[in-house]
């Protein structure tokens, strides 16, 4: 069970170095903005995958990160490795594997109306991370372990990540968990609910939207109570996101509401990963908790106005510039 105090968590995160578990993938997004995939003649390639996005986003915001995952030993896997290195993500723990396993691919559009996102994850390479892979990770340099819920959807990745949680607990590292429920990755909703609830109970920071907390609790109307319960049971920070209604942050017995920044979005993907990167980077900079959540929301607002995921994530300078004249526009 989680039990790290907020003070200890902040002290650890202040190291500004994060070890991130989960998938990297290739994104192909149609060009120009607004075109349907089936009508596009041009696609741009970029780094994708929830955990890889978080790791890249942290680096773009001036922090350090390493990714632990597997990619296929082919051109797509090597593309992801090259992209990680370009963003400054430490890829020493990214394993290339042979056989029929393949790196995930997402093909989507820069449009909000009738948005289409086609995911290819059959025989996903990232699910092949093992406990032996986890044991090769030196946790000494890091200030927190970060993961997104997709890693728990299949074996051996599920057991390997729970093993990583155990190692992090022994090492005194806070565990940061983005629920990130993707139904297409799981064998059943019941399995997902059970496993994600187990992961949440072990985590020190839990981030999810109202639907994800509701899913864990057995109904969307029970999501807020679930978030509150996880906070009371030992998580130092629980962030309950409500889309355009903002978020509620639970910490040290207090509930803090924050809003969102109104923008003209061109796509509905990438916001969750970018929120996490912005939030954690702000914590590492020793900013107040409410400000950290606000900066995460601002980063998420930026990413949905640009094509791609990792390529669209803001740098620290871009985030500061956005916030200079937007703070008074916060809604929620």
C-alpha atoms as a PDB file:
ATOM      1  CA  UNK A   1       0.000   0.000   0.000  1.00  0.00           C
ATOM      2  CA  UNK A   2       1.161   3.548  -0.732  1.00  0.00           C
ATOM      3  CA  UNK A   3       2.120   5.663   2.227  1.00  0.00           C
ATOM      4  CA  UNK A   4       4.746   8.248   1.245  1.00  0.00           C
ATOM      5  CA  UNK A   5       4.160  11.711   2.620  1.00  0.00           C
ATOM      6  CA  UNK A   6       3.747  14.646   0.265  1.00  0.00           C
ATOM      7  CA  UNK A   7       6.907  16.218   1.685  1.00  0.00           C
ATOM      8  CA  UNK A   8       9.012  13.121   1.051  1.00  0.00           C
ATOM      9  CA  UNK A   9       7.512  12.744  -2.416  1.00  0.00           C
ATOM     10  CA  UNK A  10       8.365  16.307  -3.349  1.00  0.00           C
ATOM     11  CA  UNK A  11      11.905  15.930  -2.033  1.00  0.00           C
ATOM     12  CA  UNK A  12      12.450  12.862  -4.204  1.00  0.00           C
ATOM     13  CA  UNK A  13      10.832  14.308  -7.335  1.00  0.00           C
ATOM     14  CA  UNK A  14      13.012  17.412  -6.979  1.00  0.00           C
ATOM     15  CA  UNK A  15      15.878  15.330  -8.383  1.00  0.00           C
ATOM     16  CA  UNK A  16      14.304  15.964 -11.772  1.00  0.00           C
ATOM     17  CA  UNK A  17      15.049  12.500 -13.100  1.00  0.00           C
ATOM     18  CA  UNK A  18      12.229  10.051 -13.876  1.00  0.00           C
ATOM     19  CA  UNK A  19      12.230   6.394 -14.877  1.00  0.00           C
ATOM     20  CA  UNK A  20       9.177   5.744 -17.053  1.00  0.00           C
ATOM     21  CA  UNK A  21       7.701   2.302 -17.788  1.00  0.00           C
ATOM     22  CA  UNK A  22       5.516   1.614 -20.809  1.00  0.00           C
ATOM     23  CA  UNK A  23       5.147   1.744 -24.525  1.00  0.00           C
ATOM     24  CA  UNK A  24       6.784   3.685 -27.287  1.00  0.00           C
ATOM     25  CA  UNK A  25       5.188   3.711 -30.713  1.00  0.00           C
ATOM     26  CA  UNK A  26       5.125   5.379 -34.093  1.00  0.00           C
ATOM     27  CA  UNK A  27       2.409   7.920 -34.832  1.00  0.00           C
ATOM     28  CA  UNK A  28       1.362   8.754 -38.390  1.00  0.00           C
ATOM     29  CA  UNK A  29      -0.816  11.855 -38.572  1.00  0.00           C
ATOM     30  CA  UNK A  30      -2.535  13.088 -41.694  1.00  0.00           C
ATOM     31  CA  UNK A  31      -1.626  16.387 -43.331  1.00  0.00           C
ATOM     32  CA  UNK A  32      -3.038  19.009 -43.755  1.00  0.00           C
ATOM     33  CA  UNK A  33      -5.052  19.832 -40.653  1.00  0.00           C
ATOM     34  CA  UNK A  34      -8.655  18.726 -41.076  1.00  0.00           C
ATOM     35  CA  UNK A  35      -8.131  16.037 -43.713  1.00  0.00           C
ATOM     36  CA  UNK A  36      -9.443  12.505 -43.141  1.00  0.00           C
ATOM     37  CA  UNK A  37      -6.868   9.724 -43.100  1.00  0.00           C
ATOM     38  CA  UNK A  38      -8.485   7.968 -46.046  1.00  0.00           C
ATOM     39  CA  UNK A  39      -8.272  11.161 -48.099  1.00  0.00           C
ATOM     40  CA  UNK A  40      -4.763  12.207 -47.091  1.00  0.00           C
ATOM     41  CA  UNK A  41      -1.839  12.076 -49.512  1.00  0.00           C
ATOM     42  CA  UNK A  42       0.725  13.029 -46.874  1.00  0.00           C
ATOM     43  CA  UNK A  43       1.331  11.652 -43.371  1.00  0.00           C
ATOM     44  CA  UNK A  44       3.932  12.868 -40.899  1.00  0.00           C
ATOM     45  CA  UNK A  45       5.664  10.456 -38.523  1.00  0.00           C
ATOM     46  CA  UNK A  46       6.305  11.176 -34.868  1.00  0.00           C
ATOM     47  CA  UNK A  47       7.013   9.478 -31.576  1.00  0.00           C
ATOM     48  CA  UNK A  48       3.906   8.193 -29.794  1.00  0.00           C
ATOM     49  CA  UNK A  49       2.858   5.816 -27.046  1.00  0.00           C
ATOM     50  CA  UNK A  50       1.677   7.155 -23.694  1.00  0.00           C
ATOM     51  CA  UNK A  51       4.817   6.472 -21.671  1.00  0.00           C
ATOM     52  CA  UNK A  52       7.203   7.580 -24.415  1.00  0.00           C
ATOM     53  CA  UNK A  53       5.191  10.792 -24.735  1.00  0.00           C
ATOM     54  CA  UNK A  54       5.502  11.448 -21.003  1.00  0.00           C
ATOM     55  CA  UNK A  55       9.249  10.790 -21.093  1.00  0.00           C
ATOM     56  CA  UNK A  56       9.733  13.075 -24.109  1.00  0.00           C
ATOM     57  CA  UNK A  57       7.521  15.761 -22.588  1.00  0.00           C
ATOM     58  CA  UNK A  58       9.584  15.772 -19.399  1.00  0.00           C
ATOM     59  CA  UNK A  59      12.780  16.272 -21.395  1.00  0.00           C
ATOM     60  CA  UNK A  60      11.244  19.097 -23.426  1.00  0.00           C
ATOM     61  CA  UNK A  61      10.397  20.787 -20.124  1.00  0.00           C
ATOM     62  CA  UNK A  62      13.983  20.609 -18.881  1.00  0.00           C
ATOM     63  CA  UNK A  63      13.862  17.406 -16.829  1.00  0.00           C
ATOM     64  CA  UNK A  64      15.584  14.051 -17.342  1.00  0.00           C
ATOM     65  CA  UNK A  65      13.899  10.751 -18.104  1.00  0.00           C
ATOM     66  CA  UNK A  66      14.652   7.154 -19.036  1.00  0.00           C
ATOM     67  CA  UNK A  67      12.189   4.780 -20.702  1.00  0.00           C
ATOM     68  CA  UNK A  68      11.877   1.071 -19.896  1.00  0.00           C
ATOM     69  CA  UNK A  69      10.156  -0.863 -22.674  1.00  0.00           C
ATOM     70  CA  UNK A  70      10.633  -3.209 -25.619  1.00  0.00           C
ATOM     71  CA  UNK A  71      10.437  -2.387 -29.315  1.00  0.00           C
ATOM     72  CA  UNK A  72      10.595  -4.629 -32.363  1.00  0.00           C
ATOM     73  CA  UNK A  73      13.998  -5.118 -33.959  1.00  0.00           C
ATOM     74  CA  UNK A  74      12.959  -3.525 -37.232  1.00  0.00           C
ATOM     75  CA  UNK A  75      12.700  -0.145 -38.920  1.00  0.00           C
ATOM     76  CA  UNK A  76       9.739   1.009 -36.803  1.00  0.00           C
ATOM     77  CA  UNK A  77      11.444   0.031 -33.563  1.00  0.00           C
ATOM     78  CA  UNK A  78      14.615   1.800 -34.643  1.00  0.00           C
ATOM     79  CA  UNK A  79      12.554   4.873 -35.568  1.00  0.00           C
ATOM     80  CA  UNK A  80      11.275   5.005 -31.996  1.00  0.00           C
ATOM     81  CA  UNK A  81      14.775   4.589 -30.571  1.00  0.00           C
ATOM     82  CA  UNK A  82      16.056   7.431 -32.749  1.00  0.00           C
ATOM     83  CA  UNK A  83      13.139   9.647 -31.762  1.00  0.00           C
ATOM     84  CA  UNK A  84      13.691   8.997 -28.051  1.00  0.00           C
ATOM     85  CA  UNK A  85      17.329   9.967 -28.383  1.00  0.00           C
ATOM     86  CA  UNK A  86      16.427  13.134 -30.312  1.00  0.00           C
ATOM     87  CA  UNK A  87      14.196  14.225 -27.437  1.00  0.00           C
ATOM     88  CA  UNK A  88      16.956  13.452 -24.941  1.00  0.00           C
ATOM     89  CA  UNK A  89      15.251  10.418 -23.379  1.00  0.00           C
ATOM     90  CA  UNK A  90      17.699   7.855 -21.991  1.00  0.00           C
ATOM     91  CA  UNK A  91      16.990   4.696 -24.023  1.00  0.00           C
ATOM     92  CA  UNK A  92      19.519   2.356 -22.410  1.00  0.00           C
ATOM     93  CA  UNK A  93      16.661   0.248 -20.990  1.00  0.00           C
ATOM     94  CA  UNK A  94      14.747  -0.025 -24.261  1.00  0.00           C
ATOM     95  CA  UNK A  95      15.203  -3.590 -25.509  1.00  0.00           C
ATOM     96  CA  UNK A  96      14.948  -4.536 -29.196  1.00  0.00           C
ATOM     97  CA  UNK A  97      13.329  -7.942 -29.646  1.00  0.00           C
ATOM     98  CA  UNK A  98      13.156 -10.329 -32.593  1.00  0.00           C
ATOM     99  CA  UNK A  99      10.316 -12.574 -33.711  1.00  0.00           C
ATOM    100  CA  UNK A 100       6.751 -11.645 -34.588  1.00  0.00           C
ATOM    101  CA  UNK A 101       6.313  -8.910 -31.972  1.00  0.00           C
ATOM    102  CA  UNK A 102       5.765  -5.440 -33.397  1.00  0.00           C
ATOM    103  CA  UNK A 103       6.049  -1.886 -32.155  1.00  0.00           C
ATOM    104  CA  UNK A 104       2.664  -0.191 -31.836  1.00  0.00           C
ATOM    105  CA  UNK A 105       1.454   2.220 -34.495  1.00  0.00           C
ATOM    106  CA  UNK A 106      -1.297   4.847 -34.408  1.00  0.00           C
ATOM    107  CA  UNK A 107      -2.735   6.537 -37.488  1.00  0.00           C
ATOM    108  CA  UNK A 108      -4.868   9.579 -36.751  1.00  0.00           C
ATOM    109  CA  UNK A 109      -5.979  13.007 -37.865  1.00  0.00           C
ATOM    110  CA  UNK A 110      -5.725  16.641 -36.857  1.00  0.00           C
ATOM    111  CA  UNK A 111      -9.486  17.159 -36.581  1.00  0.00           C
ATOM    112  CA  UNK A 112     -12.043  17.047 -33.782  1.00  0.00           C
ATOM    113  CA  UNK A 113     -15.210  16.339 -35.775  1.00  0.00           C
ATOM    114  CA  UNK A 114     -15.536  12.639 -36.618  1.00  0.00           C
ATOM    115  CA  UNK A 115     -11.960  12.099 -35.405  1.00  0.00           C
ATOM    116  CA  UNK A 116     -10.448   8.751 -36.365  1.00  0.00           C
ATOM    117  CA  UNK A 117      -7.574   6.981 -34.600  1.00  0.00           C
ATOM    118  CA  UNK A 118      -6.569   3.537 -35.881  1.00  0.00           C
ATOM    119  CA  UNK A 119      -4.352   1.593 -33.442  1.00  0.00           C
ATOM    120  CA  UNK A 120      -2.214  -1.376 -34.452  1.00  0.00           C
ATOM    121  CA  UNK A 121      -1.240  -3.401 -31.370  1.00  0.00           C
ATOM    122  CA  UNK A 122      -1.448  -7.070 -32.355  1.00  0.00           C
ATOM    123  CA  UNK A 123       1.536  -8.875 -30.846  1.00  0.00           C
ATOM    124  CA  UNK A 124       2.662  -5.657 -29.165  1.00  0.00           C
ATOM    125  CA  UNK A 125       6.396  -5.613 -28.452  1.00  0.00           C
ATOM    126  CA  UNK A 126       6.034  -3.461 -25.336  1.00  0.00           C
ATOM    127  CA  UNK A 127       4.137  -6.233 -23.521  1.00  0.00           C
ATOM    128  CA  UNK A 128       7.323  -8.341 -23.632  1.00  0.00           C
ATOM    129  CA  UNK A 129       9.119  -6.502 -20.834  1.00  0.00           C
ATOM    130  CA  UNK A 130      10.112  -9.078 -18.195  1.00  0.00           C
ATOM    131  CA  UNK A 131      11.082  -9.082 -14.532  1.00  0.00           C
ATOM    132  CA  UNK A 132      14.663  -9.721 -15.649  1.00  0.00           C
ATOM    133  CA  UNK A 133      14.496  -6.498 -17.686  1.00  0.00           C
ATOM    134  CA  UNK A 134      13.285  -4.654 -14.601  1.00  0.00           C
ATOM    135  CA  UNK A 135      16.133  -6.043 -12.509  1.00  0.00           C
ATOM    136  CA  UNK A 136      18.634  -4.561 -14.962  1.00  0.00           C
ATOM    137  CA  UNK A 137      17.366  -1.050 -14.212  1.00  0.00           C
ATOM    138  CA  UNK A 138      19.514   0.873 -11.750  1.00  0.00           C
ATOM    139  CA  UNK A 139      16.979   2.942  -9.803  1.00  0.00           C
ATOM    140  CA  UNK A 140      19.636   4.910  -7.923  1.00  0.00           C
ATOM    141  CA  UNK A 141      19.644   8.066 -10.110  1.00  0.00           C
ATOM    142  CA  UNK A 142      15.889   8.536 -10.254  1.00  0.00           C
ATOM    143  CA  UNK A 143      13.481  10.581  -8.199  1.00  0.00           C
ATOM    144  CA  UNK A 144      10.274   8.766  -9.179  1.00  0.00           C
ATOM    145  CA  UNK A 145       8.920   5.804 -11.128  1.00  0.00           C
ATOM    146  CA  UNK A 146       6.219   6.747 -13.634  1.00  0.00           C
ATOM    147  CA  UNK A 147       3.916   4.452 -15.556  1.00  0.00           C
ATOM    148  CA  UNK A 148       0.718   4.456 -17.567  1.00  0.00           C
ATOM    149  CA  UNK A 149      -1.906   1.774 -17.060  1.00  0.00           C
ATOM    150  CA  UNK A 150      -1.467   0.143 -20.455  1.00  0.00           C
ATOM    151  CA  UNK A 151       1.603  -1.750 -19.170  1.00  0.00           C
ATOM    152  CA  UNK A 152      -0.673  -3.849 -16.977  1.00  0.00           C
ATOM    153  CA  UNK A 153      -2.925  -5.078 -19.787  1.00  0.00           C
ATOM    154  CA  UNK A 154      -0.943  -8.241 -20.618  1.00  0.00           C
ATOM    155  CA  UNK A 155       1.830 -10.531 -19.439  1.00  0.00           C
ATOM    156  CA  UNK A 156       4.758 -10.542 -18.939  1.00  0.00           C
ATOM    157  CA  UNK A 157       4.616  -6.723 -18.774  1.00  0.00           C
ATOM    158  CA  UNK A 158       1.993  -6.798 -16.010  1.00  0.00           C
ATOM    159  CA  UNK A 159       4.039  -8.871 -13.577  1.00  0.00           C
ATOM    160  CA  UNK A 160       7.222  -7.057 -14.553  1.00  0.00           C
ATOM    161  CA  UNK A 161       5.714  -3.664 -13.719  1.00  0.00           C
ATOM    162  CA  UNK A 162       4.350  -4.841 -10.386  1.00  0.00           C
ATOM    163  CA  UNK A 163       7.880  -6.113  -9.726  1.00  0.00           C
ATOM    164  CA  UNK A 164       9.159  -2.635 -10.601  1.00  0.00           C
ATOM    165  CA  UNK A 165       6.713  -1.194  -8.073  1.00  0.00           C
ATOM    166  CA  UNK A 166       8.183  -3.491  -5.401  1.00  0.00           C
ATOM    167  CA  UNK A 167      11.718  -2.439  -6.280  1.00  0.00           C
ATOM    168  CA  UNK A 168      10.730   1.237  -6.236  1.00  0.00           C
ATOM    169  CA  UNK A 169       9.158   0.852  -2.813  1.00  0.00           C
ATOM    170  CA  UNK A 170      12.336  -0.758  -1.440  1.00  0.00           C
ATOM    171  CA  UNK A 171      14.417   2.024  -3.019  1.00  0.00           C
ATOM    172  CA  UNK A 172      12.180   4.710  -1.501  1.00  0.00           C
ATOM    173  CA  UNK A 173      10.987   6.031  -4.862  1.00  0.00           C
ATOM    174  CA  UNK A 174       7.493   7.458  -5.215  1.00  0.00           C
ATOM    175  CA  UNK A 175       5.279   5.648  -7.733  1.00  0.00           C
ATOM    176  CA  UNK A 176       3.367   7.838 -10.193  1.00  0.00           C
ATOM    177  CA  UNK A 177       0.453   6.119 -11.940  1.00  0.00           C
ATOM    178  CA  UNK A 178      -1.546   7.436 -14.887  1.00  0.00           C
ATOM    179  CA  UNK A 179      -4.602   5.144 -15.065  1.00  0.00           C
ATOM    180  CA  UNK A 180      -4.716   5.507 -18.874  1.00  0.00           C
ATOM    181  CA  UNK A 181      -7.395   2.860 -19.443  1.00  0.00           C
ATOM    182  CA  UNK A 182      -7.447   1.672 -23.078  1.00  0.00           C
ATOM    183  CA  UNK A 183     -10.153  -1.022 -23.432  1.00  0.00           C
ATOM    184  CA  UNK A 184      -8.726  -2.445 -26.667  1.00  0.00           C
ATOM    185  CA  UNK A 185      -5.571  -3.591 -24.837  1.00  0.00           C
ATOM    186  CA  UNK A 186      -7.308  -5.663 -22.164  1.00  0.00           C
ATOM    187  CA  UNK A 187      -8.752  -9.193 -22.228  1.00  0.00           C
ATOM    188  CA  UNK A 188     -11.840  -8.003 -20.312  1.00  0.00           C
ATOM    189  CA  UNK A 189     -13.188  -5.059 -18.353  1.00  0.00           C
ATOM    190  CA  UNK A 190     -13.257  -7.135 -15.149  1.00  0.00           C
ATOM    191  CA  UNK A 191      -9.554  -7.965 -15.418  1.00  0.00           C
ATOM    192  CA  UNK A 192      -8.744  -4.341 -16.141  1.00  0.00           C
ATOM    193  CA  UNK A 193     -10.736  -3.070 -13.168  1.00  0.00           C
ATOM    194  CA  UNK A 194      -9.065  -5.511 -10.792  1.00  0.00           C
ATOM    195  CA  UNK A 195      -5.510  -4.941 -12.018  1.00  0.00           C
ATOM    196  CA  UNK A 196      -5.742  -1.161 -12.298  1.00  0.00           C
ATOM    197  CA  UNK A 197      -7.223  -1.002  -8.796  1.00  0.00           C
ATOM    198  CA  UNK A 198      -4.276  -3.036  -7.482  1.00  0.00           C
ATOM    199  CA  UNK A 199      -1.851  -0.651  -9.168  1.00  0.00           C
ATOM    200  CA  UNK A 200      -3.668   2.370  -7.769  1.00  0.00           C
ATOM    201  CA  UNK A 201      -3.511   0.997  -4.232  1.00  0.00           C
ATOM    202  CA  UNK A 202       0.286   0.809  -4.540  1.00  0.00           C
ATOM    203  CA  UNK A 203       0.802   4.278  -5.996  1.00  0.00           C
ATOM    204  CA  UNK A 204       1.760   7.584  -4.394  1.00  0.00           C
ATOM    205  CA  UNK A 205       0.462   9.797  -7.204  1.00  0.00           C
ATOM    206  CA  UNK A 206      -2.617   8.756  -9.184  1.00  0.00           C
ATOM    207  CA  UNK A 207      -3.891  10.688 -12.194  1.00  0.00           C
ATOM    208  CA  UNK A 208      -6.985   9.835 -14.191  1.00  0.00           C
ATOM    209  CA  UNK A 209     -10.162  11.227 -15.646  1.00  0.00           C
ATOM    210  CA  UNK A 210     -13.659  10.826 -14.261  1.00  0.00           C
ATOM    211  CA  UNK A 211     -14.412   7.881 -16.557  1.00  0.00           C
ATOM    212  CA  UNK A 212     -11.247   6.029 -15.512  1.00  0.00           C
ATOM    213  CA  UNK A 213     -11.858   6.453 -11.798  1.00  0.00           C
ATOM    214  CA  UNK A 214     -15.476   5.495 -12.395  1.00  0.00           C
ATOM    215  CA  UNK A 215     -14.375   2.381 -14.244  1.00  0.00           C
ATOM    216  CA  UNK A 216     -12.190   1.343 -11.311  1.00  0.00           C
ATOM    217  CA  UNK A 217     -15.085   1.961  -8.928  1.00  0.00           C
ATOM    218  CA  UNK A 218     -17.739   0.125 -10.954  1.00  0.00           C
ATOM    219  CA  UNK A 219     -19.661   3.149 -12.267  1.00  0.00           C
ATOM    220  CA  UNK A 220     -18.852   6.668 -13.416  1.00  0.00           C
ATOM    221  CA  UNK A 221     -21.061   8.076 -10.666  1.00  0.00           C
ATOM    222  CA  UNK A 222     -18.698   6.458  -8.137  1.00  0.00           C
ATOM    223  CA  UNK A 223     -15.490   7.854  -9.624  1.00  0.00           C
ATOM    224  CA  UNK A 224     -15.131  10.888  -7.395  1.00  0.00           C
ATOM    225  CA  UNK A 225     -15.649   8.786  -4.290  1.00  0.00           C
ATOM    226  CA  UNK A 226     -13.015   6.356  -5.577  1.00  0.00           C
ATOM    227  CA  UNK A 227     -10.495   9.150  -6.031  1.00  0.00           C
ATOM    228  CA  UNK A 228     -11.218  10.439  -2.539  1.00  0.00           C
ATOM    229  CA  UNK A 229     -10.894   6.916  -1.131  1.00  0.00           C
ATOM    230  CA  UNK A 230      -7.486   6.381  -2.766  1.00  0.00           C
ATOM    231  CA  UNK A 231      -6.276   9.627  -1.236  1.00  0.00           C
ATOM    232  CA  UNK A 232      -7.522   8.617   2.193  1.00  0.00           C
ATOM    233  CA  UNK A 233      -5.920   5.177   1.843  1.00  0.00           C
ATOM    234  CA  UNK A 234      -2.407   6.522   1.427  1.00  0.00           C
ATOM    235  CA  UNK A 235      -1.797   8.145  -1.974  1.00  0.00           C
ATOM    236  CA  UNK A 236      -0.045  11.484  -1.445  1.00  0.00           C
ATOM    237  CA  UNK A 237      -1.655  13.088  -4.515  1.00  0.00           C
ATOM    238  CA  UNK A 238      -4.755  12.053  -6.465  1.00  0.00           C
ATOM    239  CA  UNK A 239      -5.827  14.130  -9.467  1.00  0.00           C
ATOM    240  CA  UNK A 240      -9.394  13.625 -10.703  1.00  0.00           C
ATOM    241  CA  UNK A 241      -9.734  15.202 -14.151  1.00  0.00           C
ATOM    242  CA  UNK A 242     -13.150  16.217 -15.457  1.00  0.00           C
ATOM    243  CA  UNK A 243     -12.466  17.459 -18.976  1.00  0.00           C
ATOM    244  CA  UNK A 244     -13.762  20.971 -19.574  1.00  0.00           C
ATOM    245  CA  UNK A 245     -14.849  21.155 -15.923  1.00  0.00           C
ATOM    246  CA  UNK A 246     -11.232  21.127 -14.749  1.00  0.00           C
ATOM    247  CA  UNK A 247      -9.793  18.898 -12.041  1.00  0.00           C
ATOM    248  CA  UNK A 248      -9.945  18.166  -8.341  1.00  0.00           C
ATOM    249  CA  UNK A 249      -6.668  17.469  -6.567  1.00  0.00           C
ATOM    250  CA  UNK A 250      -6.674  15.509  -3.318  1.00  0.00           C
ATOM    251  CA  UNK A 251      -3.650  15.964  -1.050  1.00  0.00           C
ATOM    252  CA  UNK A 252      -3.083  16.095   2.712  1.00  0.00           C
ATOM    253  CA  UNK A 253      -6.799  15.986   3.424  1.00  0.00           C
ATOM    254  CA  UNK A 254      -7.597  18.947   1.180  1.00  0.00           C
ATOM    255  CA  UNK A 255      -9.490  19.128  -2.114  1.00  0.00           C
ATOM    256  CA  UNK A 256      -8.392  21.798  -4.592  1.00  0.00           C
ATOM    257  CA  UNK A 257     -10.251  22.672  -7.779  1.00  0.00           C
ATOM    258  CA  UNK A 258      -8.502  23.972 -10.875  1.00  0.00           C
ATOM    259  CA  UNK A 259      -9.822  24.925 -14.279  1.00  0.00           C
ATOM    260  CA  UNK A 260      -8.781  24.439 -17.889  1.00  0.00           C
ATOM    261  CA  UNK A 261      -7.557  26.834 -20.572  1.00  0.00           C
ATOM    262  CA  UNK A 262      -9.954  27.425 -23.479  1.00  0.00           C
ATOM    263  CA  UNK A 263      -8.202  26.854 -26.808  1.00  0.00           C
ATOM    264  CA  UNK A 264      -9.126  26.007 -30.388  1.00  0.00           C
ATOM    265  CA  UNK A 265      -8.256  22.313 -30.409  1.00  0.00           C
ATOM    266  CA  UNK A 266      -7.431  20.565 -33.674  1.00  0.00           C
ATOM    267  CA  UNK A 267      -7.377  17.042 -32.195  1.00  0.00           C
ATOM    268  CA  UNK A 268      -8.497  15.223 -29.024  1.00  0.00           C
ATOM    269  CA  UNK A 269      -5.347  13.158 -28.311  1.00  0.00           C
ATOM    270  CA  UNK A 270      -2.138  13.813 -26.380  1.00  0.00           C
ATOM    271  CA  UNK A 271      -3.581  15.906 -23.572  1.00  0.00           C
ATOM    272  CA  UNK A 272      -3.298  13.290 -20.817  1.00  0.00           C
ATOM    273  CA  UNK A 273       0.357  12.475 -21.448  1.00  0.00           C
ATOM    274  CA  UNK A 274       1.217  16.153 -21.734  1.00  0.00           C
ATOM    275  CA  UNK A 275      -0.642  16.988 -18.530  1.00  0.00           C
ATOM    276  CA  UNK A 276       1.440  14.395 -16.693  1.00  0.00           C
ATOM    277  CA  UNK A 277       4.719  15.735 -18.090  1.00  0.00           C
ATOM    278  CA  UNK A 278       3.817  19.328 -17.268  1.00  0.00           C
ATOM    279  CA  UNK A 279       2.612  18.450 -13.789  1.00  0.00           C
ATOM    280  CA  UNK A 280       5.684  16.382 -12.865  1.00  0.00           C
ATOM    281  CA  UNK A 281       8.101  18.928 -14.322  1.00  0.00           C
ATOM    282  CA  UNK A 282       6.486  21.638 -12.202  1.00  0.00           C
ATOM    283  CA  UNK A 283       6.736  19.472  -9.075  1.00  0.00           C
ATOM    284  CA  UNK A 284      10.421  18.897  -9.843  1.00  0.00           C
ATOM    285  CA  UNK A 285      10.831  22.675  -9.982  1.00  0.00           C
ATOM    286  CA  UNK A 286       9.398  22.869  -6.432  1.00  0.00           C
ATOM    287  CA  UNK A 287       6.304  24.769  -7.527  1.00  0.00           C
ATOM    288  CA  UNK A 288       3.190  24.770  -5.354  1.00  0.00           C
ATOM    289  CA  UNK A 289       0.851  21.842  -5.963  1.00  0.00           C
ATOM    290  CA  UNK A 290      -1.967  23.959  -7.395  1.00  0.00           C
ATOM    291  CA  UNK A 291       0.483  25.689  -9.737  1.00  0.00           C
ATOM    292  CA  UNK A 292       1.844  22.309 -10.837  1.00  0.00           C
ATOM    293  CA  UNK A 293      -1.646  21.139 -11.772  1.00  0.00           C
ATOM    294  CA  UNK A 294      -2.281  24.426 -13.578  1.00  0.00           C
ATOM    295  CA  UNK A 295       0.940  24.069 -15.572  1.00  0.00           C
ATOM    296  CA  UNK A 296      -0.043  20.522 -16.474  1.00  0.00           C
ATOM    297  CA  UNK A 297      -3.393  21.826 -17.725  1.00  0.00           C
ATOM    298  CA  UNK A 298      -1.687  24.560 -19.727  1.00  0.00           C
ATOM    299  CA  UNK A 299       0.670  22.051 -21.351  1.00  0.00           C
ATOM    300  CA  UNK A 300      -2.328  19.879 -22.256  1.00  0.00           C
ATOM    301  CA  UNK A 301      -4.074  22.887 -23.765  1.00  0.00           C
ATOM    302  CA  UNK A 302      -1.063  23.574 -25.981  1.00  0.00           C
ATOM    303  CA  UNK A 303      -0.679  20.035 -27.301  1.00  0.00           C
ATOM    304  CA  UNK A 304      -4.230  19.762 -28.652  1.00  0.00           C
ATOM    305  CA  UNK A 305      -3.670  22.852 -30.832  1.00  0.00           C
ATOM    306  CA  UNK A 306      -0.796  21.253 -32.762  1.00  0.00           C
ATOM    307  CA  UNK A 307      -0.427  18.149 -34.948  1.00  0.00           C
ATOM    308  CA  UNK A 308       1.144  15.053 -33.414  1.00  0.00           C
ATOM    309  CA  UNK A 309       1.775  14.092 -29.790  1.00  0.00           C
ATOM    310  CA  UNK A 310       5.429  14.236 -28.737  1.00  0.00           C
ATOM    311  CA  UNK A 311       6.219  16.787 -31.491  1.00  0.00           C
ATOM    312  CA  UNK A 312       3.364  18.984 -30.245  1.00  0.00           C
ATOM    313  CA  UNK A 313       4.405  19.020 -26.588  1.00  0.00           C
ATOM    314  CA  UNK A 314       5.658  22.401 -25.349  1.00  0.00           C
ATOM    315  CA  UNK A 315       9.110  23.379 -24.177  1.00  0.00           C
ATOM    316  CA  UNK A 316       9.470  25.231 -20.900  1.00  0.00           C
ATOM    317  CA  UNK A 317       9.774  28.556 -22.721  1.00  0.00           C
ATOM    318  CA  UNK A 318       6.629  27.861 -24.744  1.00  0.00           C
ATOM    319  CA  UNK A 319       4.710  26.920 -21.608  1.00  0.00           C
ATOM    320  CA  UNK A 320       5.822  30.083 -19.809  1.00  0.00           C
ATOM    321  CA  UNK A 321       4.851  32.218 -22.803  1.00  0.00           C
ATOM    322  CA  UNK A 322       1.413  30.594 -22.971  1.00  0.00           C
ATOM    323  CA  UNK A 323       0.810  31.242 -19.275  1.00  0.00           C
ATOM    324  CA  UNK A 324       1.911  34.873 -19.360  1.00  0.00           C
ATOM    325  CA  UNK A 325      -1.411  36.089 -20.730  1.00  0.00           C
ATOM    326  CA  UNK A 326      -3.661  33.077 -20.111  1.00  0.00           C
ATOM    327  CA  UNK A 327      -3.883  32.723 -16.326  1.00  0.00           C
ATOM    328  CA  UNK A 328      -6.922  34.954 -16.110  1.00  0.00           C
ATOM    329  CA  UNK A 329      -8.609  32.848 -18.812  1.00  0.00           C
ATOM    330  CA  UNK A 330      -8.670  29.684 -16.725  1.00  0.00           C
ATOM    331  CA  UNK A 331     -12.117  28.070 -16.796  1.00  0.00           C
ATOM    332  CA  UNK A 332     -13.724  25.315 -14.770  1.00  0.00           C
END
